[in-house]
Amino acid sequence: MRIKNMKSVLIVLIAILITMAASISIFQNVIIPNKISSREAELRSEFDVTSWETVSVVIPKVDRIPAFTVFNDTNTQEYFVFEARPKKFLTGYEVTNLDDLKGKFSRQDLYLNQAVLNNWIYDEFDQMESSDREVEARVKFLVGDTVSVGNLIDVSVNYGNGLTEVVLSKVKVKDIKSPYIETVRNEDGTLTTYNNTNPANRDDTKNFIVILELNEQERSLLKFAEQVGYLDAQKYIDETQDASPVTFTIDDLELIEGVNANLEKQEQTDISDNN
């Protein structure tokens, strides 16, 4: 009887070992190789430029197109050409149709191979209404105070937890008001005004006022971004560099809830201050 039981146990053990060996074999020879092949295919597609989804965008084919050049049927053919660029590197604001340029102009110079953005292009009758689109952005950091009027910058929102998102892409600085302007009286009685950029004078509660020219959509993004974090800027080294993708949106429900919570908190603070 005991021998019979031992045989049964041995048969069960052998069955278990066979099952384990089969499972290991399946993992080694089927599942793991398939996962490796799948991952290799993903990596190849990620780094294989020819497999990326592209969008045909409008770019200048001349070295420079001066600002305020009005585009028409003739010069759009002379100035521009289409080029397929990876969608993952685009902002979503690129011009993709030459007809969108005709009868309009750019308020900034356009350069060779630089993707043209819709928010740079204006109708002729808008030329006298530019002041309606000039807004203030309260930016905490300006690349070591090296940003100056005329520079192109990205404006990002910093959530204070290490995460940032691009709110405005490649916008031109119209003016800057520094919170560190100081006036001193000289020995001869005259006054000298200067920007005190000494790090010891840095105050994180202060913001630079950067004047930007924005369209309606950009102004909405900026308004929401100022409610959910603080703004900082990144300066373009060269005007021919491609614009950064705009990653900040107001479509995210959690983001909008965060904005509403901040607005309610600010309203309560204002009420307390008034009382």
C-alpha atoms as a PDB file:
ATOM      1  CA  MET A   1       0.000   0.000   0.000  1.00  0.00           C
ATOM      2  CA  ARG A   2       2.799   2.361   0.921  1.00  0.00           C
ATOM      3  CA  ILE A   3       4.621   1.543  -2.293  1.00  0.00           C
ATOM      4  CA  LYS A   4       1.456   2.289  -4.252  1.00  0.00           C
ATOM      5  CA  ASN A   5       1.083   5.657  -2.502  1.00  0.00           C
ATOM      6  CA  MET A   6       4.715   6.506  -3.168  1.00  0.00           C
ATOM      7  CA  LYS A   7       4.208   5.716  -6.846  1.00  0.00           C
ATOM      8  CA  SER A   8       1.208   8.034  -6.913  1.00  0.00           C
ATOM      9  CA  VAL A   9       3.202  10.808  -5.265  1.00  0.00           C
ATOM     10  CA  LEU A  10       6.058  10.279  -7.717  1.00  0.00           C
ATOM     11  CA  ILE A  11       3.653  10.404 -10.646  1.00  0.00           C
ATOM     12  CA  VAL A  12       2.206  13.697  -9.328  1.00  0.00           C
ATOM     13  CA  LEU A  13       5.690  15.151  -8.800  1.00  0.00           C
ATOM     14  CA  ILE A  14       6.759  14.064 -12.262  1.00  0.00           C
ATOM     15  CA  ALA A  15       3.621  15.666 -13.726  1.00  0.00           C
ATOM     16  CA  ILE A  16       4.332  18.905 -11.851  1.00  0.00           C
ATOM     17  CA  LEU A  17       7.950  18.926 -13.026  1.00  0.00           C
ATOM     18  CA  ILE A  18       6.881  18.259 -16.607  1.00  0.00           C
ATOM     19  CA  THR A  19       4.345  21.102 -16.381  1.00  0.00           C
ATOM     20  CA  MET A  20       6.977  23.464 -14.933  1.00  0.00           C
ATOM     21  CA  ALA A  21       9.480  22.456 -17.603  1.00  0.00           C
ATOM     22  CA  ALA A  22       6.868  23.024 -20.309  1.00  0.00           C
ATOM     23  CA  SER A  23       5.949  26.410 -18.839  1.00  0.00           C
ATOM     24  CA  ILE A  24       9.593  27.466 -18.645  1.00  0.00           C
ATOM     25  CA  SER A  25      10.126  26.272 -22.208  1.00  0.00           C
ATOM     26  CA  ILE A  26       7.094  28.233 -23.428  1.00  0.00           C
ATOM     27  CA  PHE A  27       8.298  31.372 -21.652  1.00  0.00           C
ATOM     28  CA  GLN A  28      11.862  30.987 -22.944  1.00  0.00           C
ATOM     29  CA  ASN A  29      11.022  30.015 -26.487  1.00  0.00           C
ATOM     30  CA  VAL A  30       7.703  31.776 -27.164  1.00  0.00           C
ATOM     31  CA  ILE A  31       6.546  34.476 -24.729  1.00  0.00           C
ATOM     32  CA  ILE A  32       9.892  36.145 -23.951  1.00  0.00           C
ATOM     33  CA  PRO A  33      11.122  36.140 -27.599  1.00  0.00           C
ATOM     34  CA  ASN A  34       7.753  37.587 -28.695  1.00  0.00           C
ATOM     35  CA  LYS A  35       7.995  40.351 -26.099  1.00  0.00           C
ATOM     36  CA  ILE A  36      11.577  41.087 -27.121  1.00  0.00           C
ATOM     37  CA  SER A  37      10.589  41.175 -30.797  1.00  0.00           C
ATOM     38  CA  SER A  38       7.638  43.440 -30.010  1.00  0.00           C
ATOM     39  CA  ARG A  39       9.805  45.829 -27.984  1.00  0.00           C
ATOM     40  CA  GLU A  40      12.497  45.841 -30.675  1.00  0.00           C
ATOM     41  CA  ALA A  41       9.835  46.729 -33.232  1.00  0.00           C
ATOM     42  CA  GLU A  42       8.600  49.588 -31.004  1.00  0.00           C
ATOM     43  CA  LEU A  43      12.137  50.923 -30.566  1.00  0.00           C
ATOM     44  CA  ARG A  44      12.842  50.661 -34.292  1.00  0.00           C
ATOM     45  CA  SER A  45       9.642  52.531 -35.090  1.00  0.00           C
ATOM     46  CA  GLU A  46      10.521  55.182 -32.499  1.00  0.00           C
ATOM     47  CA  PHE A  47      13.965  55.854 -33.949  1.00  0.00           C
ATOM     48  CA  ASP A  48      13.252  55.017 -37.583  1.00  0.00           C
ATOM     49  CA  VAL A  49      12.447  58.420 -39.076  1.00  0.00           C
ATOM     50  CA  THR A  50      10.884  56.837 -42.157  1.00  0.00           C
ATOM     51  CA  SER A  51       8.153  55.239 -40.026  1.00  0.00           C
ATOM     52  CA  TRP A  52       7.058  58.451 -38.262  1.00  0.00           C
ATOM     53  CA  GLU A  53       3.749  60.066 -39.155  1.00  0.00           C
ATOM     54  CA  THR A  54       4.421  63.304 -41.012  1.00  0.00           C
ATOM     55  CA  VAL A  55       2.535  66.475 -41.851  1.00  0.00           C
ATOM     56  CA  SER A  56       3.277  68.679 -44.858  1.00  0.00           C
ATOM     57  CA  VAL A  57       3.972  72.197 -43.524  1.00  0.00           C
ATOM     58  CA  VAL A  58       4.832  75.505 -45.170  1.00  0.00           C
ATOM     59  CA  ILE A  59       8.439  76.705 -44.789  1.00  0.00           C
ATOM     60  CA  PRO A  60      10.387  79.574 -46.413  1.00  0.00           C
ATOM     61  CA  LYS A  61      12.711  78.519 -49.232  1.00  0.00           C
ATOM     62  CA  VAL A  62      14.608  81.830 -49.166  1.00  0.00           C
ATOM     63  CA  ASP A  63      17.076  83.002 -46.538  1.00  0.00           C
ATOM     64  CA  ARG A  64      14.807  85.685 -45.096  1.00  0.00           C
ATOM     65  CA  ILE A  65      11.341  87.121 -45.670  1.00  0.00           C
ATOM     66  CA  PRO A  66      11.085  90.610 -44.130  1.00  0.00           C
ATOM     67  CA  ALA A  67       8.338  91.295 -41.622  1.00  0.00           C
ATOM     68  CA  PHE A  68       5.134  92.934 -42.966  1.00  0.00           C
ATOM     69  CA  THR A  69       5.601  91.453 -46.438  1.00  0.00           C
ATOM     70  CA  VAL A  70       2.058  91.018 -47.758  1.00  0.00           C
ATOM     71  CA  PHE A  71       1.677  87.610 -49.413  1.00  0.00           C
ATOM     72  CA  ASN A  72      -0.129  87.091 -52.701  1.00  0.00           C
ATOM     73  CA  ASP A  73      -0.545  84.452 -55.426  1.00  0.00           C
ATOM     74  CA  THR A  74       2.868  85.236 -56.919  1.00  0.00           C
ATOM     75  CA  ASN A  75       5.207  85.674 -53.964  1.00  0.00           C
ATOM     76  CA  THR A  76       3.826  82.730 -51.984  1.00  0.00           C
ATOM     77  CA  GLN A  77       5.159  80.505 -54.776  1.00  0.00           C
ATOM     78  CA  GLU A  78       8.472  82.386 -54.743  1.00  0.00           C
ATOM     79  CA  TYR A  79       8.900  82.405 -50.968  1.00  0.00           C
ATOM     80  CA  PHE A  80       7.497  79.116 -49.702  1.00  0.00           C
ATOM     81  CA  VAL A  81       7.643  75.381 -50.228  1.00  0.00           C
ATOM     82  CA  PHE A  82       6.039  72.376 -48.551  1.00  0.00           C
ATOM     83  CA  GLU A  83       8.078  69.981 -46.444  1.00  0.00           C
ATOM     84  CA  ALA A  84       6.989  66.802 -44.636  1.00  0.00           C
ATOM     85  CA  ARG A  85       7.941  66.950 -40.956  1.00  0.00           C
ATOM     86  CA  PRO A  86       7.335  64.460 -38.121  1.00  0.00           C
ATOM     87  CA  LYS A  87       4.000  65.205 -36.462  1.00  0.00           C
ATOM     88  CA  LYS A  88       5.460  64.453 -33.022  1.00  0.00           C
ATOM     89  CA  PHE A  89       7.730  67.514 -33.312  1.00  0.00           C
ATOM     90  CA  LEU A  90       5.049  69.982 -34.483  1.00  0.00           C
ATOM     91  CA  THR A  91       3.050  72.434 -32.369  1.00  0.00           C
ATOM     92  CA  GLY A  92      -0.250  72.040 -34.203  1.00  0.00           C
ATOM     93  CA  TYR A  93      -0.181  75.728 -35.229  1.00  0.00           C
ATOM     94  CA  GLU A  94       1.866  75.275 -38.420  1.00  0.00           C
ATOM     95  CA  VAL A  95       0.552  76.633 -41.729  1.00  0.00           C
ATOM     96  CA  THR A  96      -0.306  73.726 -44.025  1.00  0.00           C
ATOM     97  CA  ASN A  97      -2.001  75.584 -46.878  1.00  0.00           C
ATOM     98  CA  LEU A  98      -0.571  78.438 -48.969  1.00  0.00           C
ATOM     99  CA  ASP A  99      -4.039  79.934 -49.337  1.00  0.00           C
ATOM    100  CA  ASP A 100      -3.963  80.681 -45.600  1.00  0.00           C
ATOM    101  CA  LEU A 101      -1.131  83.177 -46.277  1.00  0.00           C
ATOM    102  CA  LYS A 102      -2.573  85.082 -49.218  1.00  0.00           C
ATOM    103  CA  GLY A 103      -3.608  88.640 -48.425  1.00  0.00           C
ATOM    104  CA  LYS A 104      -1.873  88.407 -45.026  1.00  0.00           C
ATOM    105  CA  PHE A 105       1.538  89.183 -43.517  1.00  0.00           C
ATOM    106  CA  SER A 106       3.850  88.209 -40.673  1.00  0.00           C
ATOM    107  CA  ARG A 107       4.853  90.719 -38.004  1.00  0.00           C
ATOM    108  CA  GLN A 108       8.279  89.106 -37.709  1.00  0.00           C
ATOM    109  CA  ASP A 109      10.971  88.053 -40.151  1.00  0.00           C
ATOM    110  CA  LEU A 110      10.652  84.507 -41.481  1.00  0.00           C
ATOM    111  CA  TYR A 111      13.760  82.441 -42.125  1.00  0.00           C
ATOM    112  CA  LEU A 112      14.850  79.559 -44.340  1.00  0.00           C
ATOM    113  CA  ASN A 113      13.463  76.132 -43.313  1.00  0.00           C
ATOM    114  CA  GLN A 114      11.559  77.640 -40.370  1.00  0.00           C
ATOM    115  CA  ALA A 115       8.034  76.205 -40.090  1.00  0.00           C
ATOM    116  CA  VAL A 116       5.547  79.100 -40.362  1.00  0.00           C
ATOM    117  CA  LEU A 117       3.008  79.293 -37.519  1.00  0.00           C
ATOM    118  CA  ASN A 118      -0.560  80.538 -37.908  1.00  0.00           C
ATOM    119  CA  ASN A 119      -0.227  82.805 -34.873  1.00  0.00           C
ATOM    120  CA  TRP A 120       2.483  84.791 -36.693  1.00  0.00           C
ATOM    121  CA  ILE A 121       0.175  85.569 -39.637  1.00  0.00           C
ATOM    122  CA  TYR A 122      -2.321  88.454 -39.656  1.00  0.00           C
ATOM    123  CA  ASP A 123      -4.874  89.941 -42.003  1.00  0.00           C
ATOM    124  CA  GLU A 124      -3.952  93.311 -43.491  1.00  0.00           C
ATOM    125  CA  PHE A 125      -6.734  95.135 -41.621  1.00  0.00           C
ATOM    126  CA  ASP A 126      -5.368  93.783 -38.313  1.00  0.00           C
ATOM    127  CA  GLN A 127      -2.207  95.871 -38.662  1.00  0.00           C
ATOM    128  CA  MET A 128      -3.724  98.849 -36.854  1.00  0.00           C
ATOM    129  CA  GLU A 129      -5.217  96.667 -34.100  1.00  0.00           C
ATOM    130  CA  SER A 130      -2.015  95.160 -32.703  1.00  0.00           C
ATOM    131  CA  SER A 131      -2.398  96.928 -29.356  1.00  0.00           C
ATOM    132  CA  ASP A 132      -5.604  94.942 -28.758  1.00  0.00           C
ATOM    133  CA  ARG A 133      -3.467  91.807 -28.640  1.00  0.00           C
ATOM    134  CA  GLU A 134      -0.706  93.056 -26.380  1.00  0.00           C
ATOM    135  CA  VAL A 135      -0.939  91.437 -22.951  1.00  0.00           C
ATOM    136  CA  GLU A 136       1.135  91.176 -19.802  1.00  0.00           C
ATOM    137  CA  ALA A 137       2.642  87.867 -18.727  1.00  0.00           C
ATOM    138  CA  ARG A 138       3.955  87.686 -15.172  1.00  0.00           C
ATOM    139  CA  VAL A 139       7.140  85.632 -15.543  1.00  0.00           C
ATOM    140  CA  LYS A 140       9.227  84.693 -12.513  1.00  0.00           C
ATOM    141  CA  PHE A 141      12.450  83.713 -14.300  1.00  0.00           C
ATOM    142  CA  LEU A 142      13.952  85.120 -17.522  1.00  0.00           C
ATOM    143  CA  VAL A 143      17.010  82.944 -18.244  1.00  0.00           C
ATOM    144  CA  GLY A 144      19.322  84.746 -15.869  1.00  0.00           C
ATOM    145  CA  ASP A 145      17.808  88.087 -16.888  1.00  0.00           C
ATOM    146  CA  THR A 146      19.319  87.723 -20.380  1.00  0.00           C
ATOM    147  CA  VAL A 147      16.004  88.029 -22.231  1.00  0.00           C
ATOM    148  CA  SER A 148      15.558  91.384 -23.944  1.00  0.00           C
ATOM    149  CA  VAL A 149      13.072  93.107 -26.230  1.00  0.00           C
ATOM    150  CA  GLY A 150      12.875  91.395 -29.622  1.00  0.00           C
ATOM    151  CA  ASN A 151      13.944  87.966 -28.365  1.00  0.00           C
ATOM    152  CA  LEU A 152      11.865  84.888 -29.148  1.00  0.00           C
ATOM    153  CA  ILE A 153      10.875  82.858 -26.100  1.00  0.00           C
ATOM    154  CA  ASP A 154       8.791  79.937 -24.937  1.00  0.00           C
ATOM    155  CA  VAL A 155       6.640  80.634 -21.887  1.00  0.00           C
ATOM    156  CA  SER A 156       6.195  77.584 -19.658  1.00  0.00           C
ATOM    157  CA  VAL A 157       4.094  76.933 -16.588  1.00  0.00           C
ATOM    158  CA  ASN A 158       5.938  75.377 -13.646  1.00  0.00           C
ATOM    159  CA  TYR A 159       3.729  73.450 -11.245  1.00  0.00           C
ATOM    160  CA  GLY A 160       6.320  73.620  -8.463  1.00  0.00           C
ATOM    161  CA  ASN A 161       6.767  69.843  -8.370  1.00  0.00           C
ATOM    162  CA  GLY A 162       9.400  69.536 -11.070  1.00  0.00           C
ATOM    163  CA  LEU A 163       6.875  69.342 -13.921  1.00  0.00           C
ATOM    164  CA  THR A 164       6.579  72.042 -16.584  1.00  0.00           C
ATOM    165  CA  GLU A 165       4.512  72.465 -19.742  1.00  0.00           C
ATOM    166  CA  VAL A 166       4.930  74.834 -22.684  1.00  0.00           C
ATOM    167  CA  VAL A 167       2.102  77.392 -22.760  1.00  0.00           C
ATOM    168  CA  LEU A 168       3.298  79.779 -25.488  1.00  0.00           C
ATOM    169  CA  SER A 169       5.703  78.765 -28.210  1.00  0.00           C
ATOM    170  CA  LYS A 170       8.199  81.056 -29.927  1.00  0.00           C
ATOM    171  CA  VAL A 171       6.574  84.399 -29.138  1.00  0.00           C
ATOM    172  CA  LYS A 172       8.410  87.687 -29.536  1.00  0.00           C
ATOM    173  CA  VAL A 173       9.043  89.915 -26.521  1.00  0.00           C
ATOM    174  CA  LYS A 174       7.571  93.385 -27.099  1.00  0.00           C
ATOM    175  CA  ASP A 175       8.688  94.925 -23.809  1.00  0.00           C
ATOM    176  CA  ILE A 176       9.914  93.953 -20.336  1.00  0.00           C
ATOM    177  CA  LYS A 177       9.296  95.612 -16.993  1.00  0.00           C
ATOM    178  CA  SER A 178      11.762  94.437 -14.363  1.00  0.00           C
ATOM    179  CA  PRO A 179      10.780  94.333 -10.669  1.00  0.00           C
ATOM    180  CA  TYR A 180      14.401  95.049  -9.804  1.00  0.00           C
ATOM    181  CA  ILE A 181      14.651  98.558 -11.249  1.00  0.00           C
ATOM    182  CA  GLU A 182      16.263 100.854  -8.700  1.00  0.00           C
ATOM    183  CA  THR A 183      16.989 104.561  -8.705  1.00  0.00           C
ATOM    184  CA  VAL A 184      19.916 106.045  -6.806  1.00  0.00           C
ATOM    185  CA  ARG A 185      20.958 109.644  -6.265  1.00  0.00           C
ATOM    186  CA  ASN A 186      24.487 110.480  -7.366  1.00  0.00           C
ATOM    187  CA  GLU A 187      26.846 112.817  -5.504  1.00  0.00           C
ATOM    188  CA  ASP A 188      26.087 115.574  -7.993  1.00  0.00           C
ATOM    189  CA  GLY A 189      22.373 115.268  -7.271  1.00  0.00           C
ATOM    190  CA  THR A 190      21.440 113.514 -10.495  1.00  0.00           C
ATOM    191  CA  LEU A 191      19.447 110.294 -10.496  1.00  0.00           C
ATOM    192  CA  THR A 192      20.556 107.025 -12.079  1.00  0.00           C
ATOM    193  CA  THR A 193      18.142 104.199 -12.811  1.00  0.00           C
ATOM    194  CA  TYR A 194      19.466 100.670 -13.252  1.00  0.00           C
ATOM    195  CA  ASN A 195      18.377  97.032 -13.142  1.00  0.00           C
ATOM    196  CA  ASN A 196      19.781  95.417 -10.001  1.00  0.00           C
ATOM    197  CA  THR A 197      20.388  91.823 -11.161  1.00  0.00           C
ATOM    198  CA  ASN A 198      22.547  90.908  -8.165  1.00  0.00           C
ATOM    199  CA  PRO A 199      21.495  87.381  -7.039  1.00  0.00           C
ATOM    200  CA  ALA A 200      21.398  88.632  -3.469  1.00  0.00           C
ATOM    201  CA  ASN A 201      18.604  90.964  -4.536  1.00  0.00           C
ATOM    202  CA  ARG A 202      16.466  88.103  -5.884  1.00  0.00           C
ATOM    203  CA  ASP A 203      12.927  87.964  -4.481  1.00  0.00           C
ATOM    204  CA  ASP A 204      10.813  84.956  -5.460  1.00  0.00           C
ATOM    205  CA  THR A 205       7.628  86.898  -4.758  1.00  0.00           C
ATOM    206  CA  LYS A 206       8.391  89.308  -7.608  1.00  0.00           C
ATOM    207  CA  ASN A 207       7.685  88.790 -11.311  1.00  0.00           C
ATOM    208  CA  PHE A 208       8.950  90.286 -14.523  1.00  0.00           C
ATOM    209  CA  ILE A 209       6.160  91.838 -16.590  1.00  0.00           C
ATOM    210  CA  VAL A 210       6.716  90.640 -20.159  1.00  0.00           C
ATOM    211  CA  ILE A 211       4.620  92.281 -22.874  1.00  0.00           C
ATOM    212  CA  LEU A 212       3.606  89.797 -25.572  1.00  0.00           C
ATOM    213  CA  GLU A 213       1.391  89.994 -28.629  1.00  0.00           C
ATOM    214  CA  LEU A 214      -1.047  87.084 -28.458  1.00  0.00           C
ATOM    215  CA  ASN A 215      -4.140  85.852 -30.233  1.00  0.00           C
ATOM    216  CA  GLU A 216      -7.328  84.899 -28.421  1.00  0.00           C
ATOM    217  CA  GLN A 217      -6.418  81.243 -27.947  1.00  0.00           C
ATOM    218  CA  GLU A 218      -2.973  82.091 -26.592  1.00  0.00           C
ATOM    219  CA  ARG A 219      -4.439  84.630 -24.169  1.00  0.00           C
ATOM    220  CA  SER A 220      -6.828  81.979 -22.830  1.00  0.00           C
ATOM    221  CA  LEU A 221      -3.984  79.514 -22.297  1.00  0.00           C
ATOM    222  CA  LEU A 222      -1.902  82.165 -20.551  1.00  0.00           C
ATOM    223  CA  LYS A 223      -4.776  83.136 -18.248  1.00  0.00           C
ATOM    224  CA  PHE A 224      -5.320  79.542 -17.128  1.00  0.00           C
ATOM    225  CA  ALA A 225      -1.592  78.830 -16.798  1.00  0.00           C
ATOM    226  CA  GLU A 226      -1.109  81.768 -14.432  1.00  0.00           C
ATOM    227  CA  GLN A 227      -3.704  80.220 -12.117  1.00  0.00           C
ATOM    228  CA  VAL A 228      -2.145  76.749 -11.827  1.00  0.00           C
ATOM    229  CA  GLY A 229       1.547  77.558 -11.447  1.00  0.00           C
ATOM    230  CA  TYR A 230       4.220  80.170 -11.990  1.00  0.00           C
ATOM    231  CA  LEU A 231       5.606  81.139 -15.389  1.00  0.00           C
ATOM    232  CA  ASP A 232       9.172  81.046 -16.599  1.00  0.00           C
ATOM    233  CA  ALA A 233      10.744  81.617 -20.008  1.00  0.00           C
ATOM    234  CA  GLN A 234      13.188  79.836 -22.287  1.00  0.00           C
ATOM    235  CA  LYS A 235      15.019  81.931 -24.878  1.00  0.00           C
ATOM    236  CA  TYR A 236      15.676  80.776 -28.435  1.00  0.00           C
ATOM    237  CA  ILE A 237      19.367  80.927 -29.285  1.00  0.00           C
ATOM    238  CA  ASP A 238      18.640  81.525 -32.958  1.00  0.00           C
ATOM    239  CA  GLU A 239      15.491  82.679 -34.760  1.00  0.00           C
ATOM    240  CA  THR A 240      15.750  79.804 -37.250  1.00  0.00           C
ATOM    241  CA  GLN A 241      15.169  77.196 -34.541  1.00  0.00           C
ATOM    242  CA  ASP A 242      11.870  75.323 -34.790  1.00  0.00           C
ATOM    243  CA  ALA A 243       9.136  76.248 -32.337  1.00  0.00           C
ATOM    244  CA  SER A 244       8.553  74.002 -29.343  1.00  0.00           C
ATOM    245  CA  PRO A 245       5.326  71.978 -29.215  1.00  0.00           C
ATOM    246  CA  VAL A 246       2.670  73.541 -26.970  1.00  0.00           C
ATOM    247  CA  THR A 247       1.929  70.890 -24.318  1.00  0.00           C
ATOM    248  CA  PHE A 248      -0.346  72.895 -21.995  1.00  0.00           C
ATOM    249  CA  THR A 249      -4.091  72.646 -22.641  1.00  0.00           C
ATOM    250  CA  ILE A 250      -7.259  73.589 -20.781  1.00  0.00           C
ATOM    251  CA  ASP A 251      -9.131  70.474 -21.916  1.00  0.00           C
ATOM    252  CA  ASP A 252      -7.970  68.391 -18.950  1.00  0.00           C
ATOM    253  CA  LEU A 253     -10.764  68.220 -16.350  1.00  0.00           C
ATOM    254  CA  GLU A 254      -8.354  67.936 -13.437  1.00  0.00           C
ATOM    255  CA  LEU A 255      -6.514  71.044 -14.620  1.00  0.00           C
ATOM    256  CA  ILE A 256      -9.741  73.042 -14.871  1.00  0.00           C
ATOM    257  CA  GLU A 257     -10.791  71.865 -11.404  1.00  0.00           C
ATOM    258  CA  GLY A 258      -7.425  73.007 -10.097  1.00  0.00           C
ATOM    259  CA  VAL A 259      -7.936  76.423 -11.711  1.00  0.00           C
ATOM    260  CA  ASN A 260     -11.390  76.750 -10.165  1.00  0.00           C
ATOM    261  CA  ALA A 261     -10.044  75.788  -6.738  1.00  0.00           C
ATOM    262  CA  ASN A 262      -7.292  78.413  -7.008  1.00  0.00           C
ATOM    263  CA  LEU A 263      -9.767  81.047  -8.153  1.00  0.00           C
ATOM    264  CA  GLU A 264     -12.093  80.281  -5.229  1.00  0.00           C
ATOM    265  CA  LYS A 265      -9.149  80.458  -2.823  1.00  0.00           C
ATOM    266  CA  GLN A 266      -8.082  83.802  -4.294  1.00  0.00           C
ATOM    267  CA  GLU A 267     -11.636  85.162  -4.033  1.00  0.00           C
ATOM    268  CA  GLN A 268     -11.817  84.140  -0.364  1.00  0.00           C
ATOM    269  CA  THR A 269      -8.460  85.803   0.260  1.00  0.00           C
ATOM    270  CA  ASP A 270      -9.654  88.993  -1.445  1.00  0.00           C
ATOM    271  CA  ILE A 271     -12.842  88.998   0.665  1.00  0.00           C
ATOM    272  CA  SER A 272     -10.824  88.527   3.865  1.00  0.00           C
ATOM    273  CA  ASP A 273      -8.473  91.367   2.883  1.00  0.00           C
ATOM    274  CA  ASN A 274     -11.426  93.683   2.179  1.00  0.00           C
ATOM    275  CA  ASN A 275     -12.970  92.882   5.573  1.00  0.00           C
END
